[in-house]
Amino acid sequence: MPVVKYRPPNAPYHIAILGRSGVGKSSLCNTLRSLISEQTDAAPVGVIETTASPTCYPLMENVFLWDVPGVST
């Protein structure tokens, strides 16, 4: 595995949540952000395929979560 020897200060981290459709990727995104699904800035959750396109959510300063559609959808 390559070793990163230099990382620019304040460079953002992007973390994608991947998995099959309906396994709770959006719920995990909300839980990591300490949100419940009824809050306005929460990732929408549902029984059917709810995430239609990759969506970025801030987790903390310079750290972002990407909620992506289910694999093979």
C-alpha atoms as a PDB file:
ATOM      1  CA  MET A   1       0.000   0.000   0.000  1.00  0.00           C
ATOM      2  CA  PRO A   2       1.404   3.417  -0.916  1.00  0.00           C
ATOM      3  CA  VAL A   3       2.275   5.781   1.902  1.00  0.00           C
ATOM      4  CA  VAL A   4       1.146   9.405   1.705  1.00  0.00           C
ATOM      5  CA  LYS A   5       4.166  11.475   2.643  1.00  0.00           C
ATOM      6  CA  TYR A   6       2.597  14.896   2.249  1.00  0.00           C
ATOM      7  CA  ARG A   7      -0.993  16.030   2.627  1.00  0.00           C
ATOM      8  CA  PRO A   8      -1.862  19.680   2.049  1.00  0.00           C
ATOM      9  CA  PRO A   9      -3.253  21.416   5.123  1.00  0.00           C
ATOM     10  CA  ASN A  10      -7.048  21.497   5.233  1.00  0.00           C
ATOM     11  CA  ALA A  11      -7.356  19.049   2.329  1.00  0.00           C
ATOM     12  CA  PRO A  12     -10.847  17.516   2.458  1.00  0.00           C
ATOM     13  CA  TYR A  13     -11.596  13.863   3.132  1.00  0.00           C
ATOM     14  CA  HIS A  14     -14.421  12.285   1.118  1.00  0.00           C
ATOM     15  CA  ILE A  15     -15.936   9.048   2.443  1.00  0.00           C
ATOM     16  CA  ALA A  16     -18.416   7.089   0.309  1.00  0.00           C
ATOM     17  CA  ILE A  17     -20.966   4.753   1.870  1.00  0.00           C
ATOM     18  CA  LEU A  18     -21.438   1.825  -0.508  1.00  0.00           C
ATOM     19  CA  GLY A  19     -23.675  -1.234  -0.435  1.00  0.00           C
ATOM     20  CA  ARG A  20     -26.671  -2.967  -1.899  1.00  0.00           C
ATOM     21  CA  SER A  21     -30.029  -1.257  -2.191  1.00  0.00           C
ATOM     22  CA  GLY A  22     -32.068  -1.176   1.014  1.00  0.00           C
ATOM     23  CA  VAL A  23     -29.305  -2.086   3.487  1.00  0.00           C
ATOM     24  CA  GLY A  24     -29.297   1.224   5.395  1.00  0.00           C
ATOM     25  CA  LYS A  25     -26.630   3.379   3.758  1.00  0.00           C
ATOM     26  CA  SER A  26     -28.678   6.555   4.220  1.00  0.00           C
ATOM     27  CA  SER A  27     -29.553   5.560   7.796  1.00  0.00           C
ATOM     28  CA  LEU A  28     -25.854   5.047   8.533  1.00  0.00           C
ATOM     29  CA  CYS A  29     -25.116   8.468   7.053  1.00  0.00           C
ATOM     30  CA  ASN A  30     -27.754  10.011   9.343  1.00  0.00           C
ATOM     31  CA  THR A  31     -26.505   8.121  12.402  1.00  0.00           C
ATOM     32  CA  LEU A  32     -22.917   9.230  11.826  1.00  0.00           C
ATOM     33  CA  ARG A  33     -24.187  12.807  11.625  1.00  0.00           C
ATOM     34  CA  SER A  34     -26.348  12.408  14.784  1.00  0.00           C
ATOM     35  CA  LEU A  35     -29.558  13.077  12.839  1.00  0.00           C
ATOM     36  CA  ILE A  36     -32.908  11.320  12.658  1.00  0.00           C
ATOM     37  CA  SER A  37     -34.684  10.844   9.346  1.00  0.00           C
ATOM     38  CA  GLU A  38     -37.366  13.449  10.167  1.00  0.00           C
ATOM     39  CA  GLN A  39     -34.841  16.318  10.339  1.00  0.00           C
ATOM     40  CA  THR A  40     -34.663  18.579   7.285  1.00  0.00           C
ATOM     41  CA  ASP A  41     -30.943  18.088   6.526  1.00  0.00           C
ATOM     42  CA  ALA A  42     -31.027  14.310   7.038  1.00  0.00           C
ATOM     43  CA  ALA A  43     -30.526  11.895   4.152  1.00  0.00           C
ATOM     44  CA  PRO A  44     -33.936  10.639   2.991  1.00  0.00           C
ATOM     45  CA  VAL A  45     -34.619   7.021   3.959  1.00  0.00           C
ATOM     46  CA  GLY A  46     -37.221   4.562   2.775  1.00  0.00           C
ATOM     47  CA  VAL A  47     -38.039   0.944   2.037  1.00  0.00           C
ATOM     48  CA  ILE A  48     -37.574   1.358  -1.706  1.00  0.00           C
ATOM     49  CA  GLU A  49     -34.594   2.871  -3.547  1.00  0.00           C
ATOM     50  CA  THR A  50     -34.584   6.390  -2.108  1.00  0.00           C
ATOM     51  CA  THR A  51     -31.139   7.672  -3.128  1.00  0.00           C
ATOM     52  CA  ALA A  52     -31.245   8.292  -6.884  1.00  0.00           C
ATOM     53  CA  SER A  53     -27.913  10.098  -7.270  1.00  0.00           C
ATOM     54  CA  PRO A  54     -24.753  10.517  -5.155  1.00  0.00           C
ATOM     55  CA  THR A  55     -25.327  13.113  -2.438  1.00  0.00           C
ATOM     56  CA  CYS A  56     -22.670  14.778  -0.291  1.00  0.00           C
ATOM     57  CA  TYR A  57     -23.254  15.546   3.406  1.00  0.00           C
ATOM     58  CA  PRO A  58     -20.849  17.375   5.730  1.00  0.00           C
ATOM     59  CA  LEU A  59     -19.685  15.292   8.687  1.00  0.00           C
ATOM     60  CA  MET A  60     -17.241  17.754  10.249  1.00  0.00           C
ATOM     61  CA  GLU A  61     -14.827  20.391   9.024  1.00  0.00           C
ATOM     62  CA  ASN A  62     -13.154  19.098   5.834  1.00  0.00           C
ATOM     63  CA  VAL A  63     -14.819  15.657   6.141  1.00  0.00           C
ATOM     64  CA  PHE A  64     -17.689  14.742   3.834  1.00  0.00           C
ATOM     65  CA  LEU A  65     -19.908  11.654   3.568  1.00  0.00           C
ATOM     66  CA  TRP A  66     -21.231  10.568   0.197  1.00  0.00           C
ATOM     67  CA  ASP A  67     -24.505   8.637   0.167  1.00  0.00           C
ATOM     68  CA  VAL A  68     -24.663   6.785  -3.151  1.00  0.00           C
ATOM     69  CA  PRO A  69     -27.378   4.708  -4.842  1.00  0.00           C
ATOM     70  CA  GLY A  70     -27.398   0.994  -4.143  1.00  0.00           C
ATOM     71  CA  VAL A  71     -25.024  -1.255  -6.032  1.00  0.00           C
ATOM     72  CA  SER A  72     -26.619  -2.704  -9.206  1.00  0.00           C
ATOM     73  CA  THR A  73     -29.603  -0.314  -9.188  1.00  0.00           C
END
